[in-house]
């Protein structure tokens, strides 16, 4: 039996972007679902989007939003050529600038639960946003992976997603209802919690309790969703934050280890080398970053 679940290693690849072109494609995409958001931007041709027992026709310039765990598929309308951009990402990796605004994940879940908010954004609604340029930027940056590519992709995606939410707001989405309601901890939002509390002691057992799950069930579910164990994910987040501090500050390793949740400098150096194949000092010097640090 064909499985509908589409796995992705969101730990090492939190963003994925590419073009689908009928000239290079033998079979159209099959129905599938996943744990991340998928955005579709039509550049050429006419496509039919099927989702949640509903369907919509997409024309060039239109954008479709497929939510986590939503079975969906695209198929060409007619026999003409088609080309569209795809961006897949873990919305938990995108953060808002203020603590009093709802998380992007919460807003997208609210939009999905409101049957009146269609997840299709027309070319006319997207005209001020230049979504096509955003898709091209993300695809090129993720392909080249030049210095700072992840920050450019995150910025571009955040801007595009906020523009989509503004369209949903104009259609009646209540963007303020969740401000005073604390988000329930769940396996879907645990990455946001890890990101916000990565400098603090984090135990998988405690995260499982926050989600109302047994340790074993939480561990299996997390690995299935994110392609790696929860402990590895916490390590990865801390290394990424240490990487930013190495790139953009002149803080020493003692300060960086404290700010990123490592027990001491030795733990930071060992873990950083495990993920990056070089020490923090080598990493900073190779990129001519500010500061001179000692690893002794």
Protein backbone atom coordinates (compact mmCIF):
# COMPACT_ATOMS: atom_id res chain seq x y z
CA UNK A 1 0.00 0.00 0.00
CA UNK A 2 1.33 3.45 -0.93
CA UNK A 3 2.05 5.61 2.11
CA UNK A 4 0.72 9.17 2.11
CA UNK A 5 3.17 10.41 4.75
CA UNK A 6 6.13 12.31 3.27
CA UNK A 7 9.13 12.43 5.66
CA UNK A 8 11.63 15.26 5.81
CA UNK A 9 14.73 15.76 7.94
CA UNK A 10 13.65 19.10 9.44
CA UNK A 11 16.58 19.01 11.85
CA UNK A 12 19.21 19.38 9.16
CA UNK A 13 16.87 20.78 6.50
CA UNK A 14 14.30 23.07 8.16
CA UNK A 15 13.65 24.68 4.76
CA UNK A 16 13.30 23.09 1.34
CA UNK A 17 12.55 24.95 -1.88
CA UNK A 18 12.52 23.95 -5.54
CA UNK A 19 10.67 24.28 -8.83
CA UNK A 20 8.43 21.63 -10.37
CA UNK A 21 8.36 21.80 -14.17
CA UNK A 22 6.26 19.53 -16.38
CA UNK A 23 9.09 19.51 -18.92
CA UNK A 24 11.24 17.55 -16.47
CA UNK A 25 8.54 15.54 -14.72
CA UNK A 26 7.22 12.14 -15.72
CA UNK A 27 4.48 11.75 -13.11
CA UNK A 28 2.44 14.44 -11.31
CA UNK A 29 2.68 14.62 -7.51
CA UNK A 30 0.67 12.05 -5.57
CA UNK A 31 -1.56 12.79 -2.56
CA UNK A 32 0.59 13.18 0.56
CA UNK A 33 0.88 14.87 3.94
CA UNK A 34 3.71 15.98 6.23
CA UNK A 35 4.45 17.80 9.47
CA UNK A 36 5.46 21.10 7.89
CA UNK A 37 3.81 23.89 5.90
CA UNK A 38 4.03 23.80 2.12
CA UNK A 39 3.59 26.88 -0.06
CA UNK A 40 2.90 26.58 -3.79
CA UNK A 41 3.35 29.46 -6.23
CA UNK A 42 2.16 28.93 -9.81
CA UNK A 43 4.36 30.43 -12.51
CA UNK A 44 2.95 28.76 -15.61
CA UNK A 45 -0.11 26.70 -16.48
CA UNK A 46 -3.28 25.89 -14.58
CA UNK A 47 -3.33 23.49 -11.64
CA UNK A 48 -5.99 21.88 -9.50
CA UNK A 49 -5.32 21.78 -5.76
CA UNK A 50 -7.17 19.14 -3.71
CA UNK A 51 -7.18 19.36 0.09
CA UNK A 52 -9.56 18.52 2.97
CA UNK A 53 -12.24 17.27 0.55
CA UNK A 54 -12.13 20.62 -1.20
CA UNK A 55 -10.53 21.77 -4.42
CA UNK A 56 -9.45 24.98 -6.08
CA UNK A 57 -8.05 25.97 -9.46
CA UNK A 58 -4.74 27.82 -9.41
CA UNK A 59 -3.66 30.20 -12.14
CA UNK A 60 -0.27 31.86 -12.73
CA UNK A 61 0.49 34.20 -9.84
CA UNK A 62 -1.72 32.34 -7.34
CA UNK A 63 -0.40 30.87 -4.10
CA UNK A 64 -1.70 27.88 -2.12
CA UNK A 65 -1.03 27.12 1.55
CA UNK A 66 -1.03 23.48 2.62
CA UNK A 67 -1.03 23.05 6.40
CA UNK A 68 0.76 20.43 8.51
CA UNK A 69 -0.92 17.00 8.49
CA UNK A 70 -3.24 18.05 5.66
CA UNK A 71 -3.57 15.54 2.82
CA UNK A 72 -3.19 17.42 -0.43
CA UNK A 73 -2.15 17.07 -4.04
CA UNK A 74 -1.70 19.09 -7.22
CA UNK A 75 -2.68 18.02 -10.69
CA UNK A 76 -2.57 19.79 -14.05
CA UNK A 77 -5.77 21.11 -15.56
CA UNK A 78 -5.61 19.99 -19.16
CA UNK A 79 -2.55 18.91 -21.11
CA UNK A 80 -0.61 22.18 -21.17
CA UNK A 81 2.76 22.84 -19.61
CA UNK A 82 3.04 23.94 -16.01
CA UNK A 83 5.69 25.19 -13.62
CA UNK A 84 5.39 26.08 -9.96
CA UNK A 85 7.59 26.83 -6.99
CA UNK A 86 7.50 24.84 -3.75
CA UNK A 87 8.67 25.94 -0.31
CA UNK A 88 8.43 23.53 2.63
CA UNK A 89 9.37 24.59 6.15
CA UNK A 90 8.84 24.11 9.85
CA UNK A 91 6.83 27.19 10.85
CA UNK A 92 8.16 26.81 14.40
CA UNK A 93 11.53 28.05 13.14
CA UNK A 94 10.04 31.42 12.22
CA UNK A 95 9.64 33.79 15.17
CA UNK A 96 7.64 36.96 15.72
CA UNK A 97 9.36 40.13 16.92
CA UNK A 98 7.18 40.70 20.01
CA UNK A 99 6.12 38.47 22.86
CA UNK A 100 2.52 39.67 22.90
CA UNK A 101 1.69 38.62 19.34
CA UNK A 102 0.53 35.06 18.60
CA UNK A 103 3.07 32.61 17.26
CA UNK A 104 2.99 32.09 13.50
CA UNK A 105 2.14 28.44 14.09
CA UNK A 106 -0.87 29.49 16.20
CA UNK A 107 -2.07 31.90 13.52
CA UNK A 108 -1.79 29.28 10.80
CA UNK A 109 -3.62 26.72 12.94
CA UNK A 110 -6.36 29.29 13.58
CA UNK A 111 -6.66 29.92 9.84
CA UNK A 112 -6.90 26.21 9.10
CA UNK A 113 -9.61 25.68 11.71
CA UNK A 114 -11.72 28.48 10.22
CA UNK A 115 -13.55 26.95 7.26
CA UNK A 116 -14.30 30.41 5.87
CA UNK A 117 -10.59 31.20 5.37
CA UNK A 118 -9.68 29.66 2.02
CA UNK A 119 -5.93 28.82 1.86
CA UNK A 120 -5.67 30.11 -1.70
CA UNK A 121 -4.28 33.60 -2.26
CA UNK A 122 -4.90 35.14 -5.66
CA UNK A 123 -2.47 36.99 -7.86
CA UNK A 124 -4.34 40.22 -7.15
CA UNK A 125 -4.01 39.81 -3.37
CA UNK A 126 -0.30 39.02 -3.72
CA UNK A 127 0.49 41.85 -6.15
CA UNK A 128 2.25 44.09 -3.58
CA UNK A 129 4.29 41.17 -2.20
CA UNK A 130 6.12 39.92 -5.31
CA UNK A 131 5.77 36.32 -4.18
CA UNK A 132 7.49 35.05 -7.31
CA UNK A 133 10.67 36.91 -6.37
CA UNK A 134 10.46 35.52 -2.83
CA UNK A 135 10.26 31.96 -4.13
CA UNK A 136 13.16 32.56 -6.50
CA UNK A 137 15.26 34.04 -3.68
CA UNK A 138 14.59 31.11 -1.35
CA UNK A 139 15.27 28.50 -4.02
CA UNK A 140 18.53 30.15 -5.13
CA UNK A 141 19.76 30.72 -1.56
CA UNK A 142 19.06 27.13 -0.50
CA UNK A 143 20.75 25.85 -3.65
CA UNK A 144 23.92 27.93 -3.25
CA UNK A 145 24.03 27.89 0.58
CA UNK A 146 26.31 30.90 0.65
CA UNK A 147 27.20 32.75 3.85
CA UNK A 148 24.04 33.78 5.74
CA UNK A 149 21.67 31.97 3.39
CA UNK A 150 19.50 30.68 6.24
CA UNK A 151 18.92 34.18 7.60
CA UNK A 152 17.91 35.45 4.15
CA UNK A 153 15.50 32.53 3.69
CA UNK A 154 13.98 33.02 7.15
CA UNK A 155 13.51 36.75 6.53
CA UNK A 156 11.94 36.19 3.10
CA UNK A 157 9.62 33.47 4.40
CA UNK A 158 8.55 35.50 7.43
CA UNK A 159 7.67 38.46 5.21
CA UNK A 160 5.70 36.27 2.79
CA UNK A 161 3.83 34.47 5.57
CA UNK A 162 2.88 37.73 7.28
CA UNK A 163 1.54 38.99 3.94
CA UNK A 164 -0.56 35.83 3.63
CA UNK A 165 -1.88 36.28 7.18
CA UNK A 166 -2.84 39.87 6.33
CA UNK A 167 -4.90 38.54 3.43
CA UNK A 168 -6.51 36.02 5.80
CA UNK A 169 -7.16 38.84 8.28
CA UNK A 170 -9.00 40.80 5.60
CA UNK A 171 -11.10 37.68 5.02
CA UNK A 172 -12.11 37.58 8.69
CA UNK A 173 -9.31 35.76 10.50
CA UNK A 174 -9.19 36.84 14.15
CA UNK A 175 -5.49 37.51 14.77
CA UNK A 176 -5.99 38.74 18.35
CA UNK A 177 -8.08 35.98 19.90
CA UNK A 178 -5.04 33.92 20.87
CA UNK A 179 -3.07 36.70 22.59
CA UNK A 180 -4.44 36.10 26.08
CA UNK A 181 -4.76 32.33 25.71
CA UNK A 182 -1.58 30.37 26.49
CA UNK A 183 -0.71 27.85 23.83
CA UNK A 184 -1.19 24.26 24.82
CA UNK A 185 2.03 22.32 24.72
CA UNK A 186 1.95 19.74 21.96
CA UNK A 187 4.34 17.77 19.82
CA UNK A 188 3.66 20.29 17.02
CA UNK A 189 4.82 23.29 19.06
CA UNK A 190 7.59 21.70 21.12
CA UNK A 191 10.29 23.00 18.74
CA UNK A 192 9.16 26.54 19.52
CA UNK A 193 9.54 25.82 23.24
CA UNK A 194 13.01 24.34 22.70
CA UNK A 195 14.06 27.39 20.70
CA UNK A 196 12.80 29.81 23.37
CA UNK A 197 14.34 27.87 26.29
CA UNK A 198 17.48 26.41 24.73
CA UNK A 199 19.72 28.27 27.19
CA UNK A 200 18.00 26.50 30.09
CA UNK A 201 18.34 22.87 31.19
CA UNK A 202 16.07 20.79 28.94
CA UNK A 203 15.18 17.18 29.64
CA UNK A 204 13.31 15.03 27.15
CA UNK A 205 11.28 13.61 30.04
CA UNK A 206 10.03 17.09 30.95
CA UNK A 207 9.19 17.92 27.34
CA UNK A 208 7.18 14.70 27.09
CA UNK A 209 5.21 15.69 30.21
CA UNK A 210 4.50 19.11 28.72
CA UNK A 211 2.93 17.34 25.76
CA UNK A 212 0.99 14.94 27.94
CA UNK A 213 2.84 11.94 26.54
CA UNK A 214 4.88 9.09 27.91
CA UNK A 215 8.62 9.36 27.35
CA UNK A 216 8.73 6.48 24.86
CA UNK A 217 5.77 7.71 22.80
CA UNK A 218 7.09 11.27 22.73
CA UNK A 219 10.56 10.10 21.67
CA UNK A 220 9.18 7.93 18.84
CA UNK A 221 6.83 10.66 17.61
CA UNK A 222 9.51 13.35 17.72
CA UNK A 223 11.94 11.20 15.76
CA UNK A 224 9.28 10.41 13.16
CA UNK A 225 8.39 14.10 12.77
CA UNK A 226 11.86 15.62 12.78
CA UNK A 227 14.11 12.85 11.54
CA UNK A 228 16.32 12.89 14.65
CA UNK A 229 16.00 12.33 18.39
CA UNK A 230 14.91 15.16 20.67
CA UNK A 231 18.31 15.35 22.41
CA UNK A 232 20.01 15.76 19.03
CA UNK A 233 17.54 18.49 18.13
CA UNK A 234 18.31 20.40 21.34
CA UNK A 235 22.03 20.07 20.62
CA UNK A 236 21.52 21.31 17.08
CA UNK A 237 19.56 24.39 18.19
CA UNK A 238 22.24 25.28 20.74
CA UNK A 239 25.02 24.88 18.18
CA UNK A 240 23.13 27.11 15.73
CA UNK A 241 22.81 29.83 18.37
CA UNK A 242 26.48 29.48 19.26
CA UNK A 243 27.27 29.79 15.56
CA UNK A 244 25.41 33.12 15.39
CA UNK A 245 27.30 34.45 18.41
CA UNK A 246 30.60 33.40 16.86
CA UNK A 247 29.71 35.10 13.59
CA UNK A 248 28.25 38.35 14.82
CA UNK A 249 29.79 39.09 18.23
CA UNK A 250 33.18 39.11 19.93
CA UNK A 251 31.99 37.27 23.04
CA UNK A 252 34.37 34.67 24.46
CA UNK A 253 33.55 30.99 24.74
CA UNK A 254 32.67 31.18 28.41
CA UNK A 255 29.92 33.67 27.71
CA UNK A 256 28.74 31.84 24.58
CA UNK A 257 28.52 28.51 26.38
CA UNK A 258 26.44 30.10 29.16
CA UNK A 259 24.12 31.86 26.72
CA UNK A 260 23.46 28.78 24.61
CA UNK A 261 22.81 26.20 27.31
CA UNK A 262 26.12 24.32 27.39
CA UNK A 263 27.46 23.29 30.78
CA UNK A 264 30.92 24.72 30.08
CA UNK A 265 33.41 25.61 27.33
CA UNK A 266 34.58 22.03 26.93
CA UNK A 267 31.05 20.82 26.32
CA UNK A 268 30.50 23.58 23.76
CA UNK A 269 33.74 22.81 21.90
CA UNK A 270 33.07 19.06 21.81
CA UNK A 271 29.46 19.44 20.63
CA UNK A 272 30.27 22.19 18.13
CA UNK A 273 32.99 20.07 16.55
CA UNK A 274 30.60 17.11 16.36
CA UNK A 275 28.14 19.12 14.26
CA UNK A 276 30.47 21.44 12.32
CA UNK A 277 33.64 19.32 12.00
CA UNK A 278 35.72 22.17 13.40
CA UNK A 279 36.16 23.93 16.71
CA UNK A 280 34.51 27.27 17.51
CA UNK A 281 37.90 28.98 17.21
CA UNK A 282 38.55 27.47 13.78
CA UNK A 283 35.03 28.39 12.71
CA UNK A 284 35.44 32.03 13.77
CA UNK A 285 38.92 32.48 12.34
CA UNK A 286 38.02 30.86 9.02
CA UNK A 287 35.27 33.40 8.53
CA UNK A 288 37.35 36.36 9.72
CA UNK A 289 34.77 37.06 12.38
CA UNK A 290 35.28 39.57 15.23
CA UNK A 291 37.03 38.60 18.39
CA UNK A 292 39.81 36.23 19.25
CA UNK A 293 38.87 33.33 21.51
CA UNK A 294 40.87 30.78 23.38
CA UNK A 295 39.89 27.14 23.60
CA UNK A 296 42.40 26.21 26.22
